[in-house]
């Protein structure tokens, strides 16, 4: 799981958009 403050679907589908990540 990951989290970002972005909203656009186009960027939400890219892993580089996310600023926080879970451990898996």
PDBML (XML) file of the C-alpha atoms, coordinates in Angstrom:
<?xml version="1.0" encoding="UTF-8" ?>
<PDBx:datablock datablockName="MODEL"
   xmlns:PDBx="http://pdbml.pdb.org/schema/pdbx-v50.xsd"
   xmlns:xsi="http://www.w3.org/2001/XMLSchema-instance"
   xsi:schemaLocation="http://pdbml.pdb.org/schema/pdbx-v50.xsd pdbx-v50.xsd">
   <PDBx:atom_siteCategory>
      <PDBx:atom_site id="1">
         <PDBx:B_iso_or_equiv>0.00</PDBx:B_iso_or_equiv>
         <PDBx:Cartn_x>0.000</PDBx:Cartn_x>
         <PDBx:Cartn_y>0.000</PDBx:Cartn_y>
         <PDBx:Cartn_z>0.000</PDBx:Cartn_z>
         <PDBx:auth_asym_id>A</PDBx:auth_asym_id>
         <PDBx:auth_atom_id>CA</PDBx:auth_atom_id>
         <PDBx:auth_comp_id>UNK</PDBx:auth_comp_id>
         <PDBx:auth_seq_id>1</PDBx:auth_seq_id>
         <PDBx:group_PDB>ATOM</PDBx:group_PDB>
         <PDBx:label_alt_id xsi:nil="true" />
         <PDBx:label_asym_id>A</PDBx:label_asym_id>
         <PDBx:label_atom_id>CA</PDBx:label_atom_id>
         <PDBx:label_comp_id>UNK</PDBx:label_comp_id>
         <PDBx:label_entity_id>1</PDBx:label_entity_id>
         <PDBx:label_seq_id>1</PDBx:label_seq_id>
         <PDBx:occupancy>1.00</PDBx:occupancy>
         <PDBx:pdbx_PDB_model_num>1</PDBx:pdbx_PDB_model_num>
         <PDBx:type_symbol>C</PDBx:type_symbol>
      </PDBx:atom_site>
      <PDBx:atom_site id="2">
         <PDBx:B_iso_or_equiv>0.00</PDBx:B_iso_or_equiv>
         <PDBx:Cartn_x>1.066</PDBx:Cartn_x>
         <PDBx:Cartn_y>3.572</PDBx:Cartn_y>
         <PDBx:Cartn_z>-0.597</PDBx:Cartn_z>
         <PDBx:auth_asym_id>A</PDBx:auth_asym_id>
         <PDBx:auth_atom_id>CA</PDBx:auth_atom_id>
         <PDBx:auth_comp_id>UNK</PDBx:auth_comp_id>
         <PDBx:auth_seq_id>2</PDBx:auth_seq_id>
         <PDBx:group_PDB>ATOM</PDBx:group_PDB>
         <PDBx:label_alt_id xsi:nil="true" />
         <PDBx:label_asym_id>A</PDBx:label_asym_id>
         <PDBx:label_atom_id>CA</PDBx:label_atom_id>
         <PDBx:label_comp_id>UNK</PDBx:label_comp_id>
         <PDBx:label_entity_id>1</PDBx:label_entity_id>
         <PDBx:label_seq_id>2</PDBx:label_seq_id>
         <PDBx:occupancy>1.00</PDBx:occupancy>
         <PDBx:pdbx_PDB_model_num>1</PDBx:pdbx_PDB_model_num>
         <PDBx:type_symbol>C</PDBx:type_symbol>
      </PDBx:atom_site>
      <PDBx:atom_site id="3">
         <PDBx:B_iso_or_equiv>0.00</PDBx:B_iso_or_equiv>
         <PDBx:Cartn_x>-0.192</PDBx:Cartn_x>
         <PDBx:Cartn_y>7.117</PDBx:Cartn_y>
         <PDBx:Cartn_z>-0.064</PDBx:Cartn_z>
         <PDBx:auth_asym_id>A</PDBx:auth_asym_id>
         <PDBx:auth_atom_id>CA</PDBx:auth_atom_id>
         <PDBx:auth_comp_id>UNK</PDBx:auth_comp_id>
         <PDBx:auth_seq_id>3</PDBx:auth_seq_id>
         <PDBx:group_PDB>ATOM</PDBx:group_PDB>
         <PDBx:label_alt_id xsi:nil="true" />
         <PDBx:label_asym_id>A</PDBx:label_asym_id>
         <PDBx:label_atom_id>CA</PDBx:label_atom_id>
         <PDBx:label_comp_id>UNK</PDBx:label_comp_id>
         <PDBx:label_entity_id>1</PDBx:label_entity_id>
         <PDBx:label_seq_id>3</PDBx:label_seq_id>
         <PDBx:occupancy>1.00</PDBx:occupancy>
         <PDBx:pdbx_PDB_model_num>1</PDBx:pdbx_PDB_model_num>
         <PDBx:type_symbol>C</PDBx:type_symbol>
      </PDBx:atom_site>
      <PDBx:atom_site id="4">
         <PDBx:B_iso_or_equiv>0.00</PDBx:B_iso_or_equiv>
         <PDBx:Cartn_x>0.047</PDBx:Cartn_x>
         <PDBx:Cartn_y>10.452</PDBx:Cartn_y>
         <PDBx:Cartn_z>-1.866</PDBx:Cartn_z>
         <PDBx:auth_asym_id>A</PDBx:auth_asym_id>
         <PDBx:auth_atom_id>CA</PDBx:auth_atom_id>
         <PDBx:auth_comp_id>UNK</PDBx:auth_comp_id>
         <PDBx:auth_seq_id>4</PDBx:auth_seq_id>
         <PDBx:group_PDB>ATOM</PDBx:group_PDB>
         <PDBx:label_alt_id xsi:nil="true" />
         <PDBx:label_asym_id>A</PDBx:label_asym_id>
         <PDBx:label_atom_id>CA</PDBx:label_atom_id>
         <PDBx:label_comp_id>UNK</PDBx:label_comp_id>
         <PDBx:label_entity_id>1</PDBx:label_entity_id>
         <PDBx:label_seq_id>4</PDBx:label_seq_id>
         <PDBx:occupancy>1.00</PDBx:occupancy>
         <PDBx:pdbx_PDB_model_num>1</PDBx:pdbx_PDB_model_num>
         <PDBx:type_symbol>C</PDBx:type_symbol>
      </PDBx:atom_site>
      <PDBx:atom_site id="5">
         <PDBx:B_iso_or_equiv>0.00</PDBx:B_iso_or_equiv>
         <PDBx:Cartn_x>-1.716</PDBx:Cartn_x>
         <PDBx:Cartn_y>13.795</PDBx:Cartn_y>
         <PDBx:Cartn_z>-1.685</PDBx:Cartn_z>
         <PDBx:auth_asym_id>A</PDBx:auth_asym_id>
         <PDBx:auth_atom_id>CA</PDBx:auth_atom_id>
         <PDBx:auth_comp_id>UNK</PDBx:auth_comp_id>
         <PDBx:auth_seq_id>5</PDBx:auth_seq_id>
         <PDBx:group_PDB>ATOM</PDBx:group_PDB>
         <PDBx:label_alt_id xsi:nil="true" />
         <PDBx:label_asym_id>A</PDBx:label_asym_id>
         <PDBx:label_atom_id>CA</PDBx:label_atom_id>
         <PDBx:label_comp_id>UNK</PDBx:label_comp_id>
         <PDBx:label_entity_id>1</PDBx:label_entity_id>
         <PDBx:label_seq_id>5</PDBx:label_seq_id>
         <PDBx:occupancy>1.00</PDBx:occupancy>
         <PDBx:pdbx_PDB_model_num>1</PDBx:pdbx_PDB_model_num>
         <PDBx:type_symbol>C</PDBx:type_symbol>
      </PDBx:atom_site>
      <PDBx:atom_site id="6">
         <PDBx:B_iso_or_equiv>0.00</PDBx:B_iso_or_equiv>
         <PDBx:Cartn_x>-2.258</PDBx:Cartn_x>
         <PDBx:Cartn_y>13.763</PDBx:Cartn_y>
         <PDBx:Cartn_z>-5.466</PDBx:Cartn_z>
         <PDBx:auth_asym_id>A</PDBx:auth_asym_id>
         <PDBx:auth_atom_id>CA</PDBx:auth_atom_id>
         <PDBx:auth_comp_id>UNK</PDBx:auth_comp_id>
         <PDBx:auth_seq_id>6</PDBx:auth_seq_id>
         <PDBx:group_PDB>ATOM</PDBx:group_PDB>
         <PDBx:label_alt_id xsi:nil="true" />
         <PDBx:label_asym_id>A</PDBx:label_asym_id>
         <PDBx:label_atom_id>CA</PDBx:label_atom_id>
         <PDBx:label_comp_id>UNK</PDBx:label_comp_id>
         <PDBx:label_entity_id>1</PDBx:label_entity_id>
         <PDBx:label_seq_id>6</PDBx:label_seq_id>
         <PDBx:occupancy>1.00</PDBx:occupancy>
         <PDBx:pdbx_PDB_model_num>1</PDBx:pdbx_PDB_model_num>
         <PDBx:type_symbol>C</PDBx:type_symbol>
      </PDBx:atom_site>
      <PDBx:atom_site id="7">
         <PDBx:B_iso_or_equiv>0.00</PDBx:B_iso_or_equiv>
         <PDBx:Cartn_x>-5.690</PDBx:Cartn_x>
         <PDBx:Cartn_y>13.294</PDBx:Cartn_y>
         <PDBx:Cartn_z>-7.063</PDBx:Cartn_z>
         <PDBx:auth_asym_id>A</PDBx:auth_asym_id>
         <PDBx:auth_atom_id>CA</PDBx:auth_atom_id>
         <PDBx:auth_comp_id>UNK</PDBx:auth_comp_id>
         <PDBx:auth_seq_id>7</PDBx:auth_seq_id>
         <PDBx:group_PDB>ATOM</PDBx:group_PDB>
         <PDBx:label_alt_id xsi:nil="true" />
         <PDBx:label_asym_id>A</PDBx:label_asym_id>
         <PDBx:label_atom_id>CA</PDBx:label_atom_id>
         <PDBx:label_comp_id>UNK</PDBx:label_comp_id>
         <PDBx:label_entity_id>1</PDBx:label_entity_id>
         <PDBx:label_seq_id>7</PDBx:label_seq_id>
         <PDBx:occupancy>1.00</PDBx:occupancy>
         <PDBx:pdbx_PDB_model_num>1</PDBx:pdbx_PDB_model_num>
         <PDBx:type_symbol>C</PDBx:type_symbol>
      </PDBx:atom_site>
      <PDBx:atom_site id="8">
         <PDBx:B_iso_or_equiv>0.00</PDBx:B_iso_or_equiv>
         <PDBx:Cartn_x>-5.358</PDBx:Cartn_x>
         <PDBx:Cartn_y>12.736</PDBx:Cartn_y>
         <PDBx:Cartn_z>-10.813</PDBx:Cartn_z>
         <PDBx:auth_asym_id>A</PDBx:auth_asym_id>
         <PDBx:auth_atom_id>CA</PDBx:auth_atom_id>
         <PDBx:auth_comp_id>UNK</PDBx:auth_comp_id>
         <PDBx:auth_seq_id>8</PDBx:auth_seq_id>
         <PDBx:group_PDB>ATOM</PDBx:group_PDB>
         <PDBx:label_alt_id xsi:nil="true" />
         <PDBx:label_asym_id>A</PDBx:label_asym_id>
         <PDBx:label_atom_id>CA</PDBx:label_atom_id>
         <PDBx:label_comp_id>UNK</PDBx:label_comp_id>
         <PDBx:label_entity_id>1</PDBx:label_entity_id>
         <PDBx:label_seq_id>8</PDBx:label_seq_id>
         <PDBx:occupancy>1.00</PDBx:occupancy>
         <PDBx:pdbx_PDB_model_num>1</PDBx:pdbx_PDB_model_num>
         <PDBx:type_symbol>C</PDBx:type_symbol>
      </PDBx:atom_site>
      <PDBx:atom_site id="9">
         <PDBx:B_iso_or_equiv>0.00</PDBx:B_iso_or_equiv>
         <PDBx:Cartn_x>-5.973</PDBx:Cartn_x>
         <PDBx:Cartn_y>9.180</PDBx:Cartn_y>
         <PDBx:Cartn_z>-11.997</PDBx:Cartn_z>
         <PDBx:auth_asym_id>A</PDBx:auth_asym_id>
         <PDBx:auth_atom_id>CA</PDBx:auth_atom_id>
         <PDBx:auth_comp_id>UNK</PDBx:auth_comp_id>
         <PDBx:auth_seq_id>9</PDBx:auth_seq_id>
         <PDBx:group_PDB>ATOM</PDBx:group_PDB>
         <PDBx:label_alt_id xsi:nil="true" />
         <PDBx:label_asym_id>A</PDBx:label_asym_id>
         <PDBx:label_atom_id>CA</PDBx:label_atom_id>
         <PDBx:label_comp_id>UNK</PDBx:label_comp_id>
         <PDBx:label_entity_id>1</PDBx:label_entity_id>
         <PDBx:label_seq_id>9</PDBx:label_seq_id>
         <PDBx:occupancy>1.00</PDBx:occupancy>
         <PDBx:pdbx_PDB_model_num>1</PDBx:pdbx_PDB_model_num>
         <PDBx:type_symbol>C</PDBx:type_symbol>
      </PDBx:atom_site>
      <PDBx:atom_site id="10">
         <PDBx:B_iso_or_equiv>0.00</PDBx:B_iso_or_equiv>
         <PDBx:Cartn_x>-3.138</PDBx:Cartn_x>
         <PDBx:Cartn_y>9.528</PDBx:Cartn_y>
         <PDBx:Cartn_z>-14.475</PDBx:Cartn_z>
         <PDBx:auth_asym_id>A</PDBx:auth_asym_id>
         <PDBx:auth_atom_id>CA</PDBx:auth_atom_id>
         <PDBx:auth_comp_id>UNK</PDBx:auth_comp_id>
         <PDBx:auth_seq_id>10</PDBx:auth_seq_id>
         <PDBx:group_PDB>ATOM</PDBx:group_PDB>
         <PDBx:label_alt_id xsi:nil="true" />
         <PDBx:label_asym_id>A</PDBx:label_asym_id>
         <PDBx:label_atom_id>CA</PDBx:label_atom_id>
         <PDBx:label_comp_id>UNK</PDBx:label_comp_id>
         <PDBx:label_entity_id>1</PDBx:label_entity_id>
         <PDBx:label_seq_id>10</PDBx:label_seq_id>
         <PDBx:occupancy>1.00</PDBx:occupancy>
         <PDBx:pdbx_PDB_model_num>1</PDBx:pdbx_PDB_model_num>
         <PDBx:type_symbol>C</PDBx:type_symbol>
      </PDBx:atom_site>
      <PDBx:atom_site id="11">
         <PDBx:B_iso_or_equiv>0.00</PDBx:B_iso_or_equiv>
         <PDBx:Cartn_x>-0.558</PDBx:Cartn_x>
         <PDBx:Cartn_y>10.075</PDBx:Cartn_y>
         <PDBx:Cartn_z>-11.734</PDBx:Cartn_z>
         <PDBx:auth_asym_id>A</PDBx:auth_asym_id>
         <PDBx:auth_atom_id>CA</PDBx:auth_atom_id>
         <PDBx:auth_comp_id>UNK</PDBx:auth_comp_id>
         <PDBx:auth_seq_id>11</PDBx:auth_seq_id>
         <PDBx:group_PDB>ATOM</PDBx:group_PDB>
         <PDBx:label_alt_id xsi:nil="true" />
         <PDBx:label_asym_id>A</PDBx:label_asym_id>
         <PDBx:label_atom_id>CA</PDBx:label_atom_id>
         <PDBx:label_comp_id>UNK</PDBx:label_comp_id>
         <PDBx:label_entity_id>1</PDBx:label_entity_id>
         <PDBx:label_seq_id>11</PDBx:label_seq_id>
         <PDBx:occupancy>1.00</PDBx:occupancy>
         <PDBx:pdbx_PDB_model_num>1</PDBx:pdbx_PDB_model_num>
         <PDBx:type_symbol>C</PDBx:type_symbol>
      </PDBx:atom_site>
      <PDBx:atom_site id="12">
         <PDBx:B_iso_or_equiv>0.00</PDBx:B_iso_or_equiv>
         <PDBx:Cartn_x>-2.164</PDBx:Cartn_x>
         <PDBx:Cartn_y>7.754</PDBx:Cartn_y>
         <PDBx:Cartn_z>-9.172</PDBx:Cartn_z>
         <PDBx:auth_asym_id>A</PDBx:auth_asym_id>
         <PDBx:auth_atom_id>CA</PDBx:auth_atom_id>
         <PDBx:auth_comp_id>UNK</PDBx:auth_comp_id>
         <PDBx:auth_seq_id>12</PDBx:auth_seq_id>
         <PDBx:group_PDB>ATOM</PDBx:group_PDB>
         <PDBx:label_alt_id xsi:nil="true" />
         <PDBx:label_asym_id>A</PDBx:label_asym_id>
         <PDBx:label_atom_id>CA</PDBx:label_atom_id>
         <PDBx:label_comp_id>UNK</PDBx:label_comp_id>
         <PDBx:label_entity_id>1</PDBx:label_entity_id>
         <PDBx:label_seq_id>12</PDBx:label_seq_id>
         <PDBx:occupancy>1.00</PDBx:occupancy>
         <PDBx:pdbx_PDB_model_num>1</PDBx:pdbx_PDB_model_num>
         <PDBx:type_symbol>C</PDBx:type_symbol>
      </PDBx:atom_site>
      <PDBx:atom_site id="13">
         <PDBx:B_iso_or_equiv>0.00</PDBx:B_iso_or_equiv>
         <PDBx:Cartn_x>-1.310</PDBx:Cartn_x>
         <PDBx:Cartn_y>4.851</PDBx:Cartn_y>
         <PDBx:Cartn_z>-11.474</PDBx:Cartn_z>
         <PDBx:auth_asym_id>A</PDBx:auth_asym_id>
         <PDBx:auth_atom_id>CA</PDBx:auth_atom_id>
         <PDBx:auth_comp_id>UNK</PDBx:auth_comp_id>
         <PDBx:auth_seq_id>13</PDBx:auth_seq_id>
         <PDBx:group_PDB>ATOM</PDBx:group_PDB>
         <PDBx:label_alt_id xsi:nil="true" />
         <PDBx:label_asym_id>A</PDBx:label_asym_id>
         <PDBx:label_atom_id>CA</PDBx:label_atom_id>
         <PDBx:label_comp_id>UNK</PDBx:label_comp_id>
         <PDBx:label_entity_id>1</PDBx:label_entity_id>
         <PDBx:label_seq_id>13</PDBx:label_seq_id>
         <PDBx:occupancy>1.00</PDBx:occupancy>
         <PDBx:pdbx_PDB_model_num>1</PDBx:pdbx_PDB_model_num>
         <PDBx:type_symbol>C</PDBx:type_symbol>
      </PDBx:atom_site>
      <PDBx:atom_site id="14">
         <PDBx:B_iso_or_equiv>0.00</PDBx:B_iso_or_equiv>
         <PDBx:Cartn_x>2.434</PDBx:Cartn_x>
         <PDBx:Cartn_y>5.594</PDBx:Cartn_y>
         <PDBx:Cartn_z>-11.285</PDBx:Cartn_z>
         <PDBx:auth_asym_id>A</PDBx:auth_asym_id>
         <PDBx:auth_atom_id>CA</PDBx:auth_atom_id>
         <PDBx:auth_comp_id>UNK</PDBx:auth_comp_id>
         <PDBx:auth_seq_id>14</PDBx:auth_seq_id>
         <PDBx:group_PDB>ATOM</PDBx:group_PDB>
         <PDBx:label_alt_id xsi:nil="true" />
         <PDBx:label_asym_id>A</PDBx:label_asym_id>
         <PDBx:label_atom_id>CA</PDBx:label_atom_id>
         <PDBx:label_comp_id>UNK</PDBx:label_comp_id>
         <PDBx:label_entity_id>1</PDBx:label_entity_id>
         <PDBx:label_seq_id>14</PDBx:label_seq_id>
         <PDBx:occupancy>1.00</PDBx:occupancy>
         <PDBx:pdbx_PDB_model_num>1</PDBx:pdbx_PDB_model_num>
         <PDBx:type_symbol>C</PDBx:type_symbol>
      </PDBx:atom_site>
      <PDBx:atom_site id="15">
         <PDBx:B_iso_or_equiv>0.00</PDBx:B_iso_or_equiv>
         <PDBx:Cartn_x>4.482</PDBx:Cartn_x>
         <PDBx:Cartn_y>4.317</PDBx:Cartn_y>
         <PDBx:Cartn_z>-8.362</PDBx:Cartn_z>
         <PDBx:auth_asym_id>A</PDBx:auth_asym_id>
         <PDBx:auth_atom_id>CA</PDBx:auth_atom_id>
         <PDBx:auth_comp_id>UNK</PDBx:auth_comp_id>
         <PDBx:auth_seq_id>15</PDBx:auth_seq_id>
         <PDBx:group_PDB>ATOM</PDBx:group_PDB>
         <PDBx:label_alt_id xsi:nil="true" />
         <PDBx:label_asym_id>A</PDBx:label_asym_id>
         <PDBx:label_atom_id>CA</PDBx:label_atom_id>
         <PDBx:label_comp_id>UNK</PDBx:label_comp_id>
         <PDBx:label_entity_id>1</PDBx:label_entity_id>
         <PDBx:label_seq_id>15</PDBx:label_seq_id>
         <PDBx:occupancy>1.00</PDBx:occupancy>
         <PDBx:pdbx_PDB_model_num>1</PDBx:pdbx_PDB_model_num>
         <PDBx:type_symbol>C</PDBx:type_symbol>
      </PDBx:atom_site>
      <PDBx:atom_site id="16">
         <PDBx:B_iso_or_equiv>0.00</PDBx:B_iso_or_equiv>
         <PDBx:Cartn_x>6.720</PDBx:Cartn_x>
         <PDBx:Cartn_y>7.405</PDBx:Cartn_y>
         <PDBx:Cartn_z>-8.396</PDBx:Cartn_z>
         <PDBx:auth_asym_id>A</PDBx:auth_asym_id>
         <PDBx:auth_atom_id>CA</PDBx:auth_atom_id>
         <PDBx:auth_comp_id>UNK</PDBx:auth_comp_id>
         <PDBx:auth_seq_id>16</PDBx:auth_seq_id>
         <PDBx:group_PDB>ATOM</PDBx:group_PDB>
         <PDBx:label_alt_id xsi:nil="true" />
         <PDBx:label_asym_id>A</PDBx:label_asym_id>
         <PDBx:label_atom_id>CA</PDBx:label_atom_id>
         <PDBx:label_comp_id>UNK</PDBx:label_comp_id>
         <PDBx:label_entity_id>1</PDBx:label_entity_id>
         <PDBx:label_seq_id>16</PDBx:label_seq_id>
         <PDBx:occupancy>1.00</PDBx:occupancy>
         <PDBx:pdbx_PDB_model_num>1</PDBx:pdbx_PDB_model_num>
         <PDBx:type_symbol>C</PDBx:type_symbol>
      </PDBx:atom_site>
      <PDBx:atom_site id="17">
         <PDBx:B_iso_or_equiv>0.00</PDBx:B_iso_or_equiv>
         <PDBx:Cartn_x>3.751</PDBx:Cartn_x>
         <PDBx:Cartn_y>9.548</PDBx:Cartn_y>
         <PDBx:Cartn_z>-7.376</PDBx:Cartn_z>
         <PDBx:auth_asym_id>A</PDBx:auth_asym_id>
         <PDBx:auth_atom_id>CA</PDBx:auth_atom_id>
         <PDBx:auth_comp_id>UNK</PDBx:auth_comp_id>
         <PDBx:auth_seq_id>17</PDBx:auth_seq_id>
         <PDBx:group_PDB>ATOM</PDBx:group_PDB>
         <PDBx:label_alt_id xsi:nil="true" />
         <PDBx:label_asym_id>A</PDBx:label_asym_id>
         <PDBx:label_atom_id>CA</PDBx:label_atom_id>
         <PDBx:label_comp_id>UNK</PDBx:label_comp_id>
         <PDBx:label_entity_id>1</PDBx:label_entity_id>
         <PDBx:label_seq_id>17</PDBx:label_seq_id>
         <PDBx:occupancy>1.00</PDBx:occupancy>
         <PDBx:pdbx_PDB_model_num>1</PDBx:pdbx_PDB_model_num>
         <PDBx:type_symbol>C</PDBx:type_symbol>
      </PDBx:atom_site>
      <PDBx:atom_site id="18">
         <PDBx:B_iso_or_equiv>0.00</PDBx:B_iso_or_equiv>
         <PDBx:Cartn_x>3.559</PDBx:Cartn_x>
         <PDBx:Cartn_y>8.060</PDBx:Cartn_y>
         <PDBx:Cartn_z>-3.896</PDBx:Cartn_z>
         <PDBx:auth_asym_id>A</PDBx:auth_asym_id>
         <PDBx:auth_atom_id>CA</PDBx:auth_atom_id>
         <PDBx:auth_comp_id>UNK</PDBx:auth_comp_id>
         <PDBx:auth_seq_id>18</PDBx:auth_seq_id>
         <PDBx:group_PDB>ATOM</PDBx:group_PDB>
         <PDBx:label_alt_id xsi:nil="true" />
         <PDBx:label_asym_id>A</PDBx:label_asym_id>
         <PDBx:label_atom_id>CA</PDBx:label_atom_id>
         <PDBx:label_comp_id>UNK</PDBx:label_comp_id>
         <PDBx:label_entity_id>1</PDBx:label_entity_id>
         <PDBx:label_seq_id>18</PDBx:label_seq_id>
         <PDBx:occupancy>1.00</PDBx:occupancy>
         <PDBx:pdbx_PDB_model_num>1</PDBx:pdbx_PDB_model_num>
         <PDBx:type_symbol>C</PDBx:type_symbol>
      </PDBx:atom_site>
      <PDBx:atom_site id="19">
         <PDBx:B_iso_or_equiv>0.00</PDBx:B_iso_or_equiv>
         <PDBx:Cartn_x>5.457</PDBx:Cartn_x>
         <PDBx:Cartn_y>9.511</PDBx:Cartn_y>
         <PDBx:Cartn_z>-0.957</PDBx:Cartn_z>
         <PDBx:auth_asym_id>A</PDBx:auth_asym_id>
         <PDBx:auth_atom_id>CA</PDBx:auth_atom_id>
         <PDBx:auth_comp_id>UNK</PDBx:auth_comp_id>
         <PDBx:auth_seq_id>19</PDBx:auth_seq_id>
         <PDBx:group_PDB>ATOM</PDBx:group_PDB>
         <PDBx:label_alt_id xsi:nil="true" />
         <PDBx:label_asym_id>A</PDBx:label_asym_id>
         <PDBx:label_atom_id>CA</PDBx:label_atom_id>
         <PDBx:label_comp_id>UNK</PDBx:label_comp_id>
         <PDBx:label_entity_id>1</PDBx:label_entity_id>
         <PDBx:label_seq_id>19</PDBx:label_seq_id>
         <PDBx:occupancy>1.00</PDBx:occupancy>
         <PDBx:pdbx_PDB_model_num>1</PDBx:pdbx_PDB_model_num>
         <PDBx:type_symbol>C</PDBx:type_symbol>
      </PDBx:atom_site>
      <PDBx:atom_site id="20">
         <PDBx:B_iso_or_equiv>0.00</PDBx:B_iso_or_equiv>
         <PDBx:Cartn_x>4.746</PDBx:Cartn_x>
         <PDBx:Cartn_y>6.844</PDBx:Cartn_y>
         <PDBx:Cartn_z>1.679</PDBx:Cartn_z>
         <PDBx:auth_asym_id>A</PDBx:auth_asym_id>
         <PDBx:auth_atom_id>CA</PDBx:auth_atom_id>
         <PDBx:auth_comp_id>UNK</PDBx:auth_comp_id>
         <PDBx:auth_seq_id>20</PDBx:auth_seq_id>
         <PDBx:group_PDB>ATOM</PDBx:group_PDB>
         <PDBx:label_alt_id xsi:nil="true" />
         <PDBx:label_asym_id>A</PDBx:label_asym_id>
         <PDBx:label_atom_id>CA</PDBx:label_atom_id>
         <PDBx:label_comp_id>UNK</PDBx:label_comp_id>
         <PDBx:label_entity_id>1</PDBx:label_entity_id>
         <PDBx:label_seq_id>20</PDBx:label_seq_id>
         <PDBx:occupancy>1.00</PDBx:occupancy>
         <PDBx:pdbx_PDB_model_num>1</PDBx:pdbx_PDB_model_num>
         <PDBx:type_symbol>C</PDBx:type_symbol>
      </PDBx:atom_site>
      <PDBx:atom_site id="21">
         <PDBx:B_iso_or_equiv>0.00</PDBx:B_iso_or_equiv>
         <PDBx:Cartn_x>4.857</PDBx:Cartn_x>
         <PDBx:Cartn_y>3.049</PDBx:Cartn_y>
         <PDBx:Cartn_z>1.405</PDBx:Cartn_z>
         <PDBx:auth_asym_id>A</PDBx:auth_asym_id>
         <PDBx:auth_atom_id>CA</PDBx:auth_atom_id>
         <PDBx:auth_comp_id>UNK</PDBx:auth_comp_id>
         <PDBx:auth_seq_id>21</PDBx:auth_seq_id>
         <PDBx:group_PDB>ATOM</PDBx:group_PDB>
         <PDBx:label_alt_id xsi:nil="true" />
         <PDBx:label_asym_id>A</PDBx:label_asym_id>
         <PDBx:label_atom_id>CA</PDBx:label_atom_id>
         <PDBx:label_comp_id>UNK</PDBx:label_comp_id>
         <PDBx:label_entity_id>1</PDBx:label_entity_id>
         <PDBx:label_seq_id>21</PDBx:label_seq_id>
         <PDBx:occupancy>1.00</PDBx:occupancy>
         <PDBx:pdbx_PDB_model_num>1</PDBx:pdbx_PDB_model_num>
         <PDBx:type_symbol>C</PDBx:type_symbol>
      </PDBx:atom_site>
      <PDBx:atom_site id="22">
         <PDBx:B_iso_or_equiv>0.00</PDBx:B_iso_or_equiv>
         <PDBx:Cartn_x>3.944</PDBx:Cartn_x>
         <PDBx:Cartn_y>0.105</PDBx:Cartn_y>
         <PDBx:Cartn_z>3.567</PDBx:Cartn_z>
         <PDBx:auth_asym_id>A</PDBx:auth_asym_id>
         <PDBx:auth_atom_id>CA</PDBx:auth_atom_id>
         <PDBx:auth_comp_id>UNK</PDBx:auth_comp_id>
         <PDBx:auth_seq_id>22</PDBx:auth_seq_id>
         <PDBx:group_PDB>ATOM</PDBx:group_PDB>
         <PDBx:label_alt_id xsi:nil="true" />
         <PDBx:label_asym_id>A</PDBx:label_asym_id>
         <PDBx:label_atom_id>CA</PDBx:label_atom_id>
         <PDBx:label_comp_id>UNK</PDBx:label_comp_id>
         <PDBx:label_entity_id>1</PDBx:label_entity_id>
         <PDBx:label_seq_id>22</PDBx:label_seq_id>
         <PDBx:occupancy>1.00</PDBx:occupancy>
         <PDBx:pdbx_PDB_model_num>1</PDBx:pdbx_PDB_model_num>
         <PDBx:type_symbol>C</PDBx:type_symbol>
      </PDBx:atom_site>
      <PDBx:atom_site id="23">
         <PDBx:B_iso_or_equiv>0.00</PDBx:B_iso_or_equiv>
         <PDBx:Cartn_x>6.257</PDBx:Cartn_x>
         <PDBx:Cartn_y>-2.818</PDBx:Cartn_y>
         <PDBx:Cartn_z>4.249</PDBx:Cartn_z>
         <PDBx:auth_asym_id>A</PDBx:auth_asym_id>
         <PDBx:auth_atom_id>CA</PDBx:auth_atom_id>
         <PDBx:auth_comp_id>UNK</PDBx:auth_comp_id>
         <PDBx:auth_seq_id>23</PDBx:auth_seq_id>
         <PDBx:group_PDB>ATOM</PDBx:group_PDB>
         <PDBx:label_alt_id xsi:nil="true" />
         <PDBx:label_asym_id>A</PDBx:label_asym_id>
         <PDBx:label_atom_id>CA</PDBx:label_atom_id>
         <PDBx:label_comp_id>UNK</PDBx:label_comp_id>
         <PDBx:label_entity_id>1</PDBx:label_entity_id>
         <PDBx:label_seq_id>23</PDBx:label_seq_id>
         <PDBx:occupancy>1.00</PDBx:occupancy>
         <PDBx:pdbx_PDB_model_num>1</PDBx:pdbx_PDB_model_num>
         <PDBx:type_symbol>C</PDBx:type_symbol>
      </PDBx:atom_site>
      <PDBx:atom_site id="24">
         <PDBx:B_iso_or_equiv>0.00</PDBx:B_iso_or_equiv>
         <PDBx:Cartn_x>4.478</PDBx:Cartn_x>
         <PDBx:Cartn_y>-5.226</PDBx:Cartn_y>
         <PDBx:Cartn_z>1.902</PDBx:Cartn_z>
         <PDBx:auth_asym_id>A</PDBx:auth_asym_id>
         <PDBx:auth_atom_id>CA</PDBx:auth_atom_id>
         <PDBx:auth_comp_id>UNK</PDBx:auth_comp_id>
         <PDBx:auth_seq_id>24</PDBx:auth_seq_id>
         <PDBx:group_PDB>ATOM</PDBx:group_PDB>
         <PDBx:label_alt_id xsi:nil="true" />
         <PDBx:label_asym_id>A</PDBx:label_asym_id>
         <PDBx:label_atom_id>CA</PDBx:label_atom_id>
         <PDBx:label_comp_id>UNK</PDBx:label_comp_id>
         <PDBx:label_entity_id>1</PDBx:label_entity_id>
         <PDBx:label_seq_id>24</PDBx:label_seq_id>
         <PDBx:occupancy>1.00</PDBx:occupancy>
         <PDBx:pdbx_PDB_model_num>1</PDBx:pdbx_PDB_model_num>
         <PDBx:type_symbol>C</PDBx:type_symbol>
      </PDBx:atom_site>
   </PDBx:atom_siteCategory>
</PDBx:datablock>
